[in-house]
Protein backbone atom coordinates (compact mmCIF):
# COMPACT_ATOMS: atom_id res chain seq x y z
CA MET A 1 0.00 0.00 0.00
CA PHE A 2 2.82 2.38 0.93
CA MET A 3 4.63 1.58 -2.35
CA LYS A 4 1.48 2.28 -4.36
CA LYS A 5 0.98 5.68 -2.70
CA ARG A 6 4.64 6.51 -3.23
CA ASN A 7 4.40 5.64 -6.93
CA ILE A 8 1.31 7.81 -7.33
CA LEU A 9 3.11 10.66 -5.58
CA ILE A 10 6.14 10.29 -7.87
CA ILE A 11 3.90 10.32 -10.97
CA LEU A 12 2.11 13.45 -9.69
CA LEU A 13 5.42 15.19 -9.03
CA ILE A 14 6.64 14.32 -12.53
CA PHE A 15 3.50 15.89 -14.03
CA ILE A 16 3.78 18.96 -11.80
CA PHE A 17 7.29 19.62 -13.12
CA LEU A 18 6.87 18.26 -16.63
CA ILE A 19 3.81 20.30 -17.65
CA PRO A 20 5.43 23.73 -16.98
CA LEU A 21 8.57 22.59 -18.80
CA LEU A 22 6.59 21.46 -21.84
CA ILE A 23 4.53 24.68 -21.94
CA ASN A 24 7.65 26.83 -21.73
CA PHE A 25 9.46 24.76 -24.36
CA TYR A 26 6.46 25.13 -26.67
CA LEU A 27 6.26 28.92 -26.28
CA LEU A 28 10.01 29.45 -26.63
CA THR A 29 10.27 27.37 -29.80
CA LYS A 30 7.03 28.59 -31.41
CA TYR A 31 7.67 32.32 -31.02
CA GLN A 32 11.45 32.65 -31.23
CA ASN A 33 11.22 33.55 -34.95
CA LYS A 34 8.86 36.43 -34.16
CA ILE A 35 11.45 38.11 -31.95
CA ILE A 36 13.46 40.38 -34.24
CA ASN A 37 16.42 42.61 -33.53
CA GLU A 38 16.04 46.29 -34.25
CA ASN A 39 18.40 46.15 -37.25
CA ASP A 40 16.42 43.35 -38.93
CA ILE A 41 13.06 45.15 -39.20
CA THR A 42 12.18 45.81 -42.82
CA ASN A 43 8.61 47.14 -42.61
CA THR A 44 7.23 50.31 -41.07
CA TYR A 45 4.70 49.81 -38.30
CA GLN A 46 2.01 52.25 -37.25
CA TYR A 47 2.26 51.22 -33.59
CA ALA A 48 4.74 50.02 -31.02
CA LEU A 49 3.45 48.79 -27.67
CA ILE A 50 5.88 49.45 -24.82
CA LEU A 51 5.05 47.33 -21.79
CA GLY A 52 5.60 48.93 -18.38
CA CYS A 53 7.81 47.24 -15.81
CA GLY A 54 8.47 49.39 -12.78
CA ILE A 55 9.75 52.80 -11.80
CA THR A 56 12.20 54.02 -9.18
CA LYS A 57 11.34 55.71 -5.88
CA ASN A 58 12.16 59.10 -7.39
CA ASN A 59 9.79 58.51 -10.34
CA LYS A 60 12.29 57.60 -13.02
CA PRO A 61 12.18 54.55 -15.30
CA SER A 62 13.77 51.41 -13.87
CA LYS A 63 16.77 50.15 -15.85
CA MET A 64 14.60 47.62 -17.62
CA LEU A 65 11.94 50.19 -18.48
CA LYS A 66 14.55 52.71 -19.66
CA ASP A 67 15.97 50.11 -22.04
CA ARG A 68 12.50 49.44 -23.45
CA LEU A 69 11.90 53.15 -23.95
CA ASP A 70 15.32 53.66 -25.56
CA ILE A 71 14.64 50.92 -28.13
CA ALA A 72 11.27 52.53 -28.91
CA ILE A 73 12.91 55.93 -29.38
CA SER A 74 15.51 54.39 -31.69
CA LEU A 75 12.82 52.67 -33.79
CA TYR A 76 10.86 55.91 -34.03
CA ASN A 77 13.92 57.93 -35.03
CA GLU A 78 14.69 55.36 -37.74
CA GLY A 79 11.16 55.79 -39.13
CA LEU A 80 10.15 52.20 -38.33
CA ILE A 81 7.23 53.14 -36.07
CA GLN A 82 4.87 56.10 -36.11
CA LYS A 83 3.10 55.97 -32.71
CA LEU A 84 4.25 54.74 -29.31
CA ILE A 85 1.66 53.21 -27.00
CA ILE A 86 2.90 53.31 -23.41
CA SER A 87 1.04 50.78 -21.30
CA GLY A 88 1.36 50.23 -17.58
CA SER A 89 0.04 50.89 -14.11
CA HIS A 90 -1.45 54.29 -13.39
CA LYS A 91 -2.43 54.92 -9.78
CA GLU A 92 -2.48 58.00 -7.56
CA ASN A 93 1.01 57.57 -6.09
CA TYR A 94 2.50 55.24 -8.70
CA SER A 95 2.25 55.80 -12.44
CA GLU A 96 4.45 53.94 -14.88
CA VAL A 97 2.61 55.70 -17.70
CA ASP A 98 3.40 59.20 -16.35
CA VAL A 99 7.08 58.31 -15.97
CA MET A 100 7.26 56.75 -19.43
CA GLU A 101 5.61 59.76 -21.02
CA GLU A 102 7.90 62.22 -19.23
CA TYR A 103 10.99 60.26 -20.31
CA LEU A 104 9.90 60.18 -23.96
CA LEU A 105 9.12 63.90 -23.99
CA ASN A 106 12.48 64.70 -22.38
CA GLU A 107 14.15 62.66 -25.11
CA GLY A 108 12.60 64.89 -27.77
CA LEU A 109 9.48 63.01 -28.88
CA GLU A 110 6.40 65.08 -29.65
CA GLN A 111 3.27 64.70 -27.54
CA ASP A 112 1.15 63.59 -30.50
CA VAL A 113 3.41 60.57 -31.06
CA ILE A 114 2.66 59.18 -27.59
CA ILE A 115 -0.54 57.26 -26.77
CA ARG A 116 -1.26 56.45 -23.12
CA ASP A 117 -2.81 53.20 -21.91
CA ASN A 118 -3.45 53.79 -18.20
CA THR A 119 -5.02 50.38 -17.62
CA GLY A 120 -2.17 48.09 -18.63
CA PHE A 121 -1.82 46.54 -15.18
CA SER A 122 -0.55 43.25 -16.61
CA THR A 123 0.85 41.90 -19.86
CA HIS A 124 -2.43 40.39 -20.98
CA GLU A 125 -4.38 43.55 -20.10
CA SER A 126 -1.99 45.70 -22.14
CA ILE A 127 -2.35 43.43 -25.17
CA GLU A 128 -6.12 43.08 -24.79
CA ASN A 129 -6.37 46.89 -24.60
CA PHE A 130 -4.46 47.13 -27.87
CA LYS A 131 -6.83 44.63 -29.48
CA LYS A 132 -9.87 46.58 -28.26
CA ASN A 133 -8.61 49.98 -29.42
CA TYR A 134 -6.67 49.09 -32.60
CA LYS A 135 -8.39 46.02 -33.98
CA GLY A 136 -6.77 44.80 -37.19
CA GLU A 137 -3.57 46.81 -36.72
CA LYS A 138 -0.09 45.30 -36.67
CA VAL A 139 2.17 46.08 -33.73
CA ILE A 140 5.73 45.83 -32.49
CA ILE A 141 5.82 44.78 -28.85
CA ILE A 142 8.84 46.07 -26.94
CA SER A 143 10.08 44.33 -23.81
CA GLN A 144 13.00 42.21 -22.64
CA ASN A 145 13.57 39.00 -24.57
CA TYR A 146 12.35 36.63 -21.83
CA HIS A 147 9.02 38.48 -21.65
CA LEU A 148 8.32 38.58 -25.38
CA TYR A 149 7.47 34.87 -25.78
CA ARG A 150 4.39 35.20 -23.57
CA SER A 151 3.46 38.56 -25.08
CA LEU A 152 3.55 37.09 -28.58
CA TYR A 153 1.56 34.04 -27.49
CA ILE A 154 -1.20 36.26 -26.11
CA SER A 155 -1.14 38.39 -29.28
CA ASP A 156 -1.38 35.29 -31.42
CA LYS A 157 -4.36 33.98 -29.46
CA LEU A 158 -6.07 37.38 -29.85
CA ASN A 159 -5.39 37.39 -33.61
CA ILE A 160 -3.04 40.36 -33.41
CA GLU A 161 -0.27 40.43 -36.00
CA ALA A 162 2.76 41.19 -33.84
CA ILE A 163 6.50 40.93 -33.68
CA GLY A 164 8.66 41.42 -30.62
CA VAL A 165 11.71 43.65 -30.40
CA PRO A 166 13.89 43.00 -27.36
CA ALA A 167 15.55 45.65 -25.26
CA ARG A 168 19.30 45.26 -24.88
CA LYS A 169 20.52 41.98 -23.46
CA ILE A 170 22.01 42.46 -20.00
CA ASN A 171 21.54 40.65 -16.71
CA TYR A 172 19.48 42.99 -14.57
CA ALA A 173 19.34 42.69 -10.79
CA GLY A 174 16.90 39.94 -9.82
CA PHE A 175 17.31 38.22 -13.19
CA ILE A 176 16.87 34.66 -11.85
CA TYR A 177 13.74 35.59 -9.88
CA ARG A 178 12.18 37.22 -12.94
CA GLU A 179 12.99 34.22 -15.14
CA LEU A 180 11.37 31.80 -12.66
CA ARG A 181 8.37 34.09 -12.27
CA GLU A 182 8.00 34.25 -16.04
CA VAL A 183 8.03 30.45 -16.29
CA LEU A 184 4.95 30.39 -14.05
CA ALA A 185 3.35 33.36 -15.82
CA ARG A 186 3.70 31.60 -19.17
CA CYS A 187 1.85 28.59 -17.75
CA LYS A 188 -0.90 30.80 -16.31
CA ASP A 189 -1.47 32.67 -19.57
CA PHE A 190 -1.14 29.50 -21.63
CA PHE A 191 -4.19 28.06 -19.90
CA LEU A 192 -5.97 31.43 -19.76
CA TYR A 193 -5.91 31.72 -23.57
CA LEU A 194 -5.88 28.04 -24.47
CA LYS A 195 -9.49 27.94 -25.71
CA LEU A 196 -9.20 31.02 -27.95
């Protein structure tokens, strides 16, 4: 009896670890060709969606967010995108969108180039907001590489034609934590959008 219970427990543990690994392997292999470096973009896009990811205590972009914004500015200056949608949290004492907008304006972008999405509290909300407001439009999604696989999966399930452009590749503080968190987030969103 003890051996039978132990075998069942081992099988359950294998599934618990195997399913997230298979989901992540699927997303990484399926969407790796949709992640394109800045220099390899050949078409002009109307929109780029910049996903928020945290600000500092003195209301400046975090290093990760700054890198996302810098890539967007570079793409705009090269004429590869026409409008920048900044999507993130927007609360009374914490606004990623305000900080993103201020940074872009300080870097010389005109106000009419910037579109605010104040209700992008998560990756899937940001992408669903894009779908709702710009149905049928193509988009470049800008984030770090590890985050783009899930973003592109969600876009695909919502029938949005998207590519991902990664911010520069460096190891930010808390890199391992973010990678592990993203593994779980990919599983969550995989099942959330599985039926679409």
